[in-house]
Amino acid sequence: MAQQQMVKEEKSLGELFSELATETSTLVRQEVALAQTELSQKATRVGKNVGFLAVGGFVAYAAMLAVLAGIIMLLGLVIPVWLSAIIVGLVVGCRLFSDLFGTDGASENRSATERYC
């Protein structure tokens, strides 16, 4: 009797492959759903961080404009305000231009072999 139950419990090769295919597809679906959930959470976190960065940039920009306005008004006590605005604008513009397009001096410190090889 025990041998008959063991024979009945054993599955055929086709049934085993069918079960394997079913479980594999279920596992893949669950992994895809988990990956979608994780990406959604990460995207939400990234979105919040980008928002914080944008607000921080705006506050820093407003602070820089306030400082520049203060410098212009301070210079306005000595020279005409319009002239102080032009001077501050030129200084800030030249500084920005040199920061964006200038060299940092590192190329001048390298030897000739390092420059050309």
N, C-alpha and C. Protein backbone atom coordinates (compact mmCIF):
# COMPACT_ATOMS: atom_id res chain seq x y z
N MET A 1 0.82 -1.19 0.00
CA MET A 1 0.00 0.00 0.00
C MET A 1 0.87 1.26 0.00
N ALA A 2 1.97 1.24 0.76
CA ALA A 2 2.84 2.40 0.83
C ALA A 2 3.51 2.65 -0.50
N GLN A 3 3.80 1.56 -1.24
CA GLN A 3 4.43 1.73 -2.54
C GLN A 3 3.47 2.36 -3.53
N GLN A 4 2.20 2.06 -3.43
CA GLN A 4 1.21 2.64 -4.33
C GLN A 4 1.08 4.15 -4.08
N GLN A 5 1.13 4.59 -2.83
CA GLN A 5 1.04 6.01 -2.52
C GLN A 5 2.28 6.74 -3.03
N MET A 6 3.47 6.15 -2.92
CA MET A 6 4.68 6.79 -3.42
C MET A 6 4.64 6.91 -4.93
N VAL A 7 4.10 5.92 -5.60
CA VAL A 7 3.99 5.97 -7.04
C VAL A 7 3.02 7.05 -7.45
N LYS A 8 1.92 7.19 -6.71
CA LYS A 8 0.93 8.21 -7.02
C LYS A 8 1.46 9.62 -6.74
N GLU A 9 2.34 9.78 -5.74
CA GLU A 9 2.85 11.10 -5.39
C GLU A 9 3.95 11.56 -6.33
N GLU A 10 4.62 10.62 -6.96
CA GLU A 10 5.66 11.00 -7.91
C GLU A 10 5.02 11.63 -9.14
N LYS A 11 5.59 12.72 -9.58
CA LYS A 11 5.05 13.42 -10.74
C LYS A 11 5.86 13.06 -11.97
N SER A 12 5.19 13.16 -13.09
CA SER A 12 5.90 12.87 -14.33
C SER A 12 6.82 14.04 -14.68
N LEU A 13 7.72 13.79 -15.61
CA LEU A 13 8.67 14.81 -16.03
C LEU A 13 7.94 16.01 -16.65
N GLY A 14 6.92 15.76 -17.39
CA GLY A 14 6.13 16.84 -17.99
C GLY A 14 5.46 17.70 -16.94
N GLU A 15 4.91 17.05 -15.91
CA GLU A 15 4.27 17.81 -14.83
C GLU A 15 5.30 18.65 -14.09
N LEU A 16 6.50 18.09 -13.86
CA LEU A 16 7.55 18.84 -13.17
C LEU A 16 7.98 20.06 -13.98
N PHE A 17 8.16 19.89 -15.31
CA PHE A 17 8.51 21.03 -16.15
C PHE A 17 7.40 22.06 -16.19
N SER A 18 6.17 21.62 -16.20
CA SER A 18 5.03 22.54 -16.19
C SER A 18 5.00 23.35 -14.90
N GLU A 19 5.24 22.66 -13.78
CA GLU A 19 5.27 23.34 -12.49
C GLU A 19 6.44 24.32 -12.42
N LEU A 20 7.58 23.90 -12.96
CA LEU A 20 8.75 24.77 -12.99
C LEU A 20 8.47 26.03 -13.81
N ALA A 21 7.84 25.87 -14.97
CA ALA A 21 7.52 27.02 -15.81
C ALA A 21 6.54 27.96 -15.10
N THR A 22 5.56 27.39 -14.43
CA THR A 22 4.57 28.21 -13.71
C THR A 22 5.23 28.98 -12.57
N GLU A 23 6.04 28.29 -11.78
CA GLU A 23 6.69 28.95 -10.65
C GLU A 23 7.71 29.98 -11.12
N THR A 24 8.41 29.70 -12.21
CA THR A 24 9.37 30.65 -12.75
C THR A 24 8.68 31.91 -13.24
N SER A 25 7.57 31.76 -13.94
CA SER A 25 6.85 32.94 -14.43
C SER A 25 6.27 33.74 -13.26
N THR A 26 5.80 33.05 -12.23
CA THR A 26 5.30 33.75 -11.03
C THR A 26 6.43 34.52 -10.36
N LEU A 27 7.59 33.87 -10.23
CA LEU A 27 8.74 34.54 -9.61
C LEU A 27 9.17 35.75 -10.40
N VAL A 28 9.21 35.65 -11.72
CA VAL A 28 9.61 36.78 -12.57
C VAL A 28 8.61 37.92 -12.41
N ARG A 29 7.32 37.61 -12.41
CA ARG A 29 6.30 38.66 -12.23
C ARG A 29 6.46 39.36 -10.89
N GLN A 30 6.71 38.57 -9.83
CA GLN A 30 6.88 39.17 -8.51
C GLN A 30 8.13 40.03 -8.45
N GLU A 31 9.20 39.60 -9.08
CA GLU A 31 10.43 40.39 -9.09
C GLU A 31 10.25 41.70 -9.88
N VAL A 32 9.53 41.63 -10.98
CA VAL A 32 9.26 42.84 -11.76
C VAL A 32 8.41 43.81 -10.95
N ALA A 33 7.41 43.29 -10.25
CA ALA A 33 6.56 44.15 -9.41
C ALA A 33 7.39 44.79 -8.29
N LEU A 34 8.29 44.01 -7.69
CA LEU A 34 9.15 44.55 -6.63
C LEU A 34 10.08 45.62 -7.19
N ALA A 35 10.65 45.38 -8.37
CA ALA A 35 11.53 46.37 -8.99
C ALA A 35 10.77 47.66 -9.30
N GLN A 36 9.54 47.53 -9.78
CA GLN A 36 8.73 48.73 -10.07
C GLN A 36 8.46 49.52 -8.80
N THR A 37 8.16 48.83 -7.73
CA THR A 37 7.90 49.50 -6.46
C THR A 37 9.16 50.22 -5.96
N GLU A 38 10.31 49.53 -6.04
CA GLU A 38 11.55 50.15 -5.59
C GLU A 38 11.91 51.37 -6.44
N LEU A 39 11.75 51.27 -7.75
CA LEU A 39 12.04 52.41 -8.62
C LEU A 39 11.09 53.57 -8.36
N SER A 40 9.85 53.25 -8.07
CA SER A 40 8.88 54.31 -7.76
C SER A 40 9.28 55.05 -6.49
N GLN A 41 9.71 54.30 -5.49
CA GLN A 41 10.14 54.93 -4.24
C GLN A 41 11.39 55.77 -4.45
N LYS A 42 12.34 55.25 -5.23
CA LYS A 42 13.56 56.01 -5.50
C LYS A 42 13.25 57.26 -6.31
N ALA A 43 12.35 57.16 -7.27
CA ALA A 43 11.99 58.33 -8.08
C ALA A 43 11.33 59.39 -7.21
N THR A 44 10.51 58.98 -6.28
CA THR A 44 9.88 59.94 -5.37
C THR A 44 10.93 60.65 -4.52
N ARG A 45 11.89 59.88 -4.01
CA ARG A 45 12.95 60.47 -3.20
C ARG A 45 13.81 61.42 -4.02
N VAL A 46 14.14 61.03 -5.24
CA VAL A 46 14.94 61.89 -6.12
C VAL A 46 14.18 63.17 -6.45
N GLY A 47 12.89 63.05 -6.69
CA GLY A 47 12.07 64.23 -6.98
C GLY A 47 12.06 65.22 -5.83
N LYS A 48 11.96 64.71 -4.62
CA LYS A 48 11.99 65.59 -3.44
C LYS A 48 13.35 66.27 -3.33
N ASN A 49 14.42 65.50 -3.54
CA ASN A 49 15.76 66.08 -3.43
C ASN A 49 16.01 67.13 -4.50
N VAL A 50 15.51 66.92 -5.70
CA VAL A 50 15.65 67.92 -6.76
C VAL A 50 14.89 69.19 -6.38
N GLY A 51 13.72 69.02 -5.79
CA GLY A 51 12.96 70.18 -5.33
C GLY A 51 13.71 70.97 -4.27
N PHE A 52 14.30 70.26 -3.31
CA PHE A 52 15.08 70.94 -2.27
C PHE A 52 16.27 71.67 -2.87
N LEU A 53 16.92 71.03 -3.84
CA LEU A 53 18.07 71.65 -4.50
C LEU A 53 17.66 72.90 -5.26
N ALA A 54 16.53 72.86 -5.93
CA ALA A 54 16.05 74.03 -6.67
C ALA A 54 15.72 75.18 -5.73
N VAL A 55 15.05 74.87 -4.63
CA VAL A 55 14.72 75.92 -3.66
C VAL A 55 15.99 76.50 -3.05
N GLY A 56 16.96 75.64 -2.73
CA GLY A 56 18.23 76.13 -2.18
C GLY A 56 18.97 77.00 -3.17
N GLY A 57 18.95 76.62 -4.45
CA GLY A 57 19.58 77.45 -5.48
C GLY A 57 18.91 78.80 -5.61
N PHE A 58 17.58 78.81 -5.53
CA PHE A 58 16.85 80.07 -5.63
C PHE A 58 17.19 80.98 -4.44
N VAL A 59 17.25 80.41 -3.26
CA VAL A 59 17.57 81.21 -2.07
C VAL A 59 19.00 81.76 -2.17
N ALA A 60 19.94 80.93 -2.63
CA ALA A 60 21.32 81.39 -2.79
C ALA A 60 21.41 82.50 -3.83
N TYR A 61 20.66 82.36 -4.92
CA TYR A 61 20.66 83.38 -5.97
C TYR A 61 20.08 84.69 -5.43
N ALA A 62 18.99 84.60 -4.66
CA ALA A 62 18.40 85.81 -4.08
C ALA A 62 19.36 86.46 -3.09
N ALA A 63 20.08 85.65 -2.33
CA ALA A 63 21.05 86.20 -1.38
C ALA A 63 22.18 86.91 -2.12
N MET A 64 22.64 86.31 -3.24
CA MET A 64 23.70 86.93 -4.01
C MET A 64 23.23 88.27 -4.59
N LEU A 65 22.00 88.32 -5.09
CA LEU A 65 21.47 89.58 -5.61
C LEU A 65 21.36 90.64 -4.53
N ALA A 66 20.98 90.23 -3.32
CA ALA A 66 20.88 91.19 -2.21
C ALA A 66 22.25 91.74 -1.85
N VAL A 67 23.25 90.87 -1.84
CA VAL A 67 24.61 91.33 -1.53
C VAL A 67 25.11 92.28 -2.61
N LEU A 68 24.86 91.95 -3.87
CA LEU A 68 25.28 92.84 -4.96
C LEU A 68 24.56 94.18 -4.88
N ALA A 69 23.28 94.17 -4.54
CA ALA A 69 22.55 95.44 -4.39
C ALA A 69 23.14 96.27 -3.25
N GLY A 70 23.52 95.60 -2.17
CA GLY A 70 24.16 96.30 -1.06
C GLY A 70 25.48 96.92 -1.46
N ILE A 71 26.27 96.18 -2.24
CA ILE A 71 27.55 96.72 -2.71
C ILE A 71 27.32 97.92 -3.62
N ILE A 72 26.33 97.82 -4.50
CA ILE A 72 26.02 98.94 -5.39
C ILE A 72 25.60 100.17 -4.59
N MET A 73 24.76 99.97 -3.58
CA MET A 73 24.32 101.12 -2.77
C MET A 73 25.48 101.71 -1.96
N LEU A 74 26.36 100.83 -1.47
CA LEU A 74 27.51 101.32 -0.72
C LEU A 74 28.43 102.14 -1.61
N LEU A 75 28.69 101.65 -2.82
CA LEU A 75 29.49 102.43 -3.76
C LEU A 75 28.76 103.71 -4.19
N GLY A 76 27.44 103.66 -4.16
CA GLY A 76 26.64 104.83 -4.53
C GLY A 76 26.83 106.01 -3.58
N LEU A 77 27.35 105.73 -2.40
CA LEU A 77 27.63 106.83 -1.48
C LEU A 77 28.84 107.64 -1.93
N VAL A 78 29.72 107.01 -2.71
CA VAL A 78 30.95 107.67 -3.13
C VAL A 78 30.85 108.16 -4.57
N ILE A 79 30.29 107.34 -5.45
CA ILE A 79 30.15 107.68 -6.87
C ILE A 79 28.68 107.57 -7.24
N PRO A 80 28.29 108.07 -8.40
CA PRO A 80 26.88 107.94 -8.80
C PRO A 80 26.43 106.47 -8.82
N VAL A 81 25.18 106.25 -8.48
CA VAL A 81 24.64 104.89 -8.36
C VAL A 81 24.72 104.16 -9.70
N TRP A 82 24.42 104.85 -10.80
CA TRP A 82 24.45 104.19 -12.10
C TRP A 82 25.86 103.70 -12.43
N LEU A 83 26.87 104.48 -12.04
CA LEU A 83 28.25 104.09 -12.29
C LEU A 83 28.65 102.92 -11.39
N SER A 84 28.20 102.94 -10.16
CA SER A 84 28.52 101.82 -9.27
C SER A 84 27.86 100.53 -9.75
N ALA A 85 26.64 100.63 -10.31
CA ALA A 85 25.98 99.45 -10.86
C ALA A 85 26.75 98.89 -12.05
N ILE A 86 27.25 99.78 -12.90
CA ILE A 86 28.04 99.33 -14.06
C ILE A 86 29.33 98.67 -13.59
N ILE A 87 30.00 99.25 -12.63
CA ILE A 87 31.26 98.70 -12.13
C ILE A 87 31.03 97.31 -11.52
N VAL A 88 30.03 97.21 -10.66
CA VAL A 88 29.75 95.91 -10.03
C VAL A 88 29.36 94.89 -11.09
N GLY A 89 28.55 95.30 -12.06
CA GLY A 89 28.16 94.38 -13.13
C GLY A 89 29.34 93.89 -13.94
N LEU A 90 30.27 94.79 -14.25
CA LEU A 90 31.46 94.39 -14.99
C LEU A 90 32.36 93.46 -14.19
N VAL A 91 32.53 93.77 -12.91
CA VAL A 91 33.37 92.91 -12.07
C VAL A 91 32.76 91.50 -11.95
N VAL A 92 31.47 91.44 -11.70
CA VAL A 92 30.81 90.14 -11.58
C VAL A 92 30.83 89.41 -12.92
N GLY A 93 30.60 90.13 -14.01
CA GLY A 93 30.63 89.50 -15.33
C GLY A 93 32.00 88.97 -15.69
N CYS A 94 33.04 89.76 -15.40
CA CYS A 94 34.41 89.29 -15.68
C CYS A 94 34.75 88.09 -14.83
N ARG A 95 34.35 88.09 -13.59
CA ARG A 95 34.61 86.95 -12.70
C ARG A 95 33.90 85.71 -13.21
N LEU A 96 32.65 85.86 -13.60
CA LEU A 96 31.89 84.73 -14.13
C LEU A 96 32.51 84.21 -15.42
N PHE A 97 32.91 85.12 -16.30
CA PHE A 97 33.55 84.71 -17.55
C PHE A 97 34.84 83.95 -17.29
N SER A 98 35.65 84.45 -16.37
CA SER A 98 36.92 83.78 -16.09
C SER A 98 36.69 82.43 -15.41
N ASP A 99 35.66 82.32 -14.59
CA ASP A 99 35.36 81.03 -13.96
C ASP A 99 34.86 80.02 -14.98
N LEU A 100 34.09 80.48 -15.94
CA LEU A 100 33.53 79.55 -16.93
C LEU A 100 34.52 79.18 -18.01
N PHE A 101 35.30 80.13 -18.49
CA PHE A 101 36.14 79.90 -19.66
C PHE A 101 37.63 79.99 -19.39
N GLY A 102 38.01 80.39 -18.23
CA GLY A 102 39.43 80.54 -17.92
C GLY A 102 40.05 79.22 -17.52
N THR A 103 41.37 79.23 -17.42
CA THR A 103 42.08 78.04 -16.96
C THR A 103 42.33 78.19 -15.47
N ASP A 104 42.56 77.06 -14.84
CA ASP A 104 42.81 77.10 -13.40
C ASP A 104 44.29 77.16 -13.06
N GLY A 105 45.13 77.25 -14.09
CA GLY A 105 46.56 77.34 -13.86
C GLY A 105 47.24 75.99 -13.79
N ALA A 106 46.49 74.92 -13.81
CA ALA A 106 47.08 73.59 -13.72
C ALA A 106 47.89 73.27 -14.96
N SER A 107 47.46 73.77 -16.12
CA SER A 107 48.21 73.47 -17.34
C SER A 107 49.55 74.20 -17.35
N GLU A 108 49.67 75.30 -16.64
CA GLU A 108 50.94 76.03 -16.59
C GLU A 108 51.95 75.33 -15.69
N ASN A 109 51.48 74.55 -14.74
CA ASN A 109 52.37 73.90 -13.79
C ASN A 109 52.90 72.57 -14.31
N ARG A 110 52.37 72.06 -15.39
CA ARG A 110 52.83 70.78 -15.92
C ARG A 110 54.10 71.00 -16.76
N SER A 111 54.92 69.99 -16.79
CA SER A 111 56.13 70.08 -17.60
C SER A 111 55.77 69.91 -19.08
N ALA A 112 56.73 70.20 -19.94
CA ALA A 112 56.49 70.14 -21.39
C ALA A 112 56.19 68.71 -21.83
N THR A 113 56.84 67.72 -21.21
CA THR A 113 56.57 66.33 -21.61
C THR A 113 55.16 65.92 -21.22
N GLU A 114 54.67 66.40 -20.11
CA GLU A 114 53.32 66.06 -19.70
C GLU A 114 52.30 66.76 -20.59
N ARG A 115 52.61 67.94 -21.07
CA ARG A 115 51.68 68.68 -21.92
C ARG A 115 51.51 68.05 -23.29
N TYR A 116 52.59 67.59 -23.85
CA TYR A 116 52.57 67.16 -25.26
C TYR A 116 52.57 65.65 -25.43
N CYS A 117 52.66 64.90 -24.38
CA CYS A 117 52.68 63.42 -24.50
C CYS A 117 51.44 62.82 -23.91
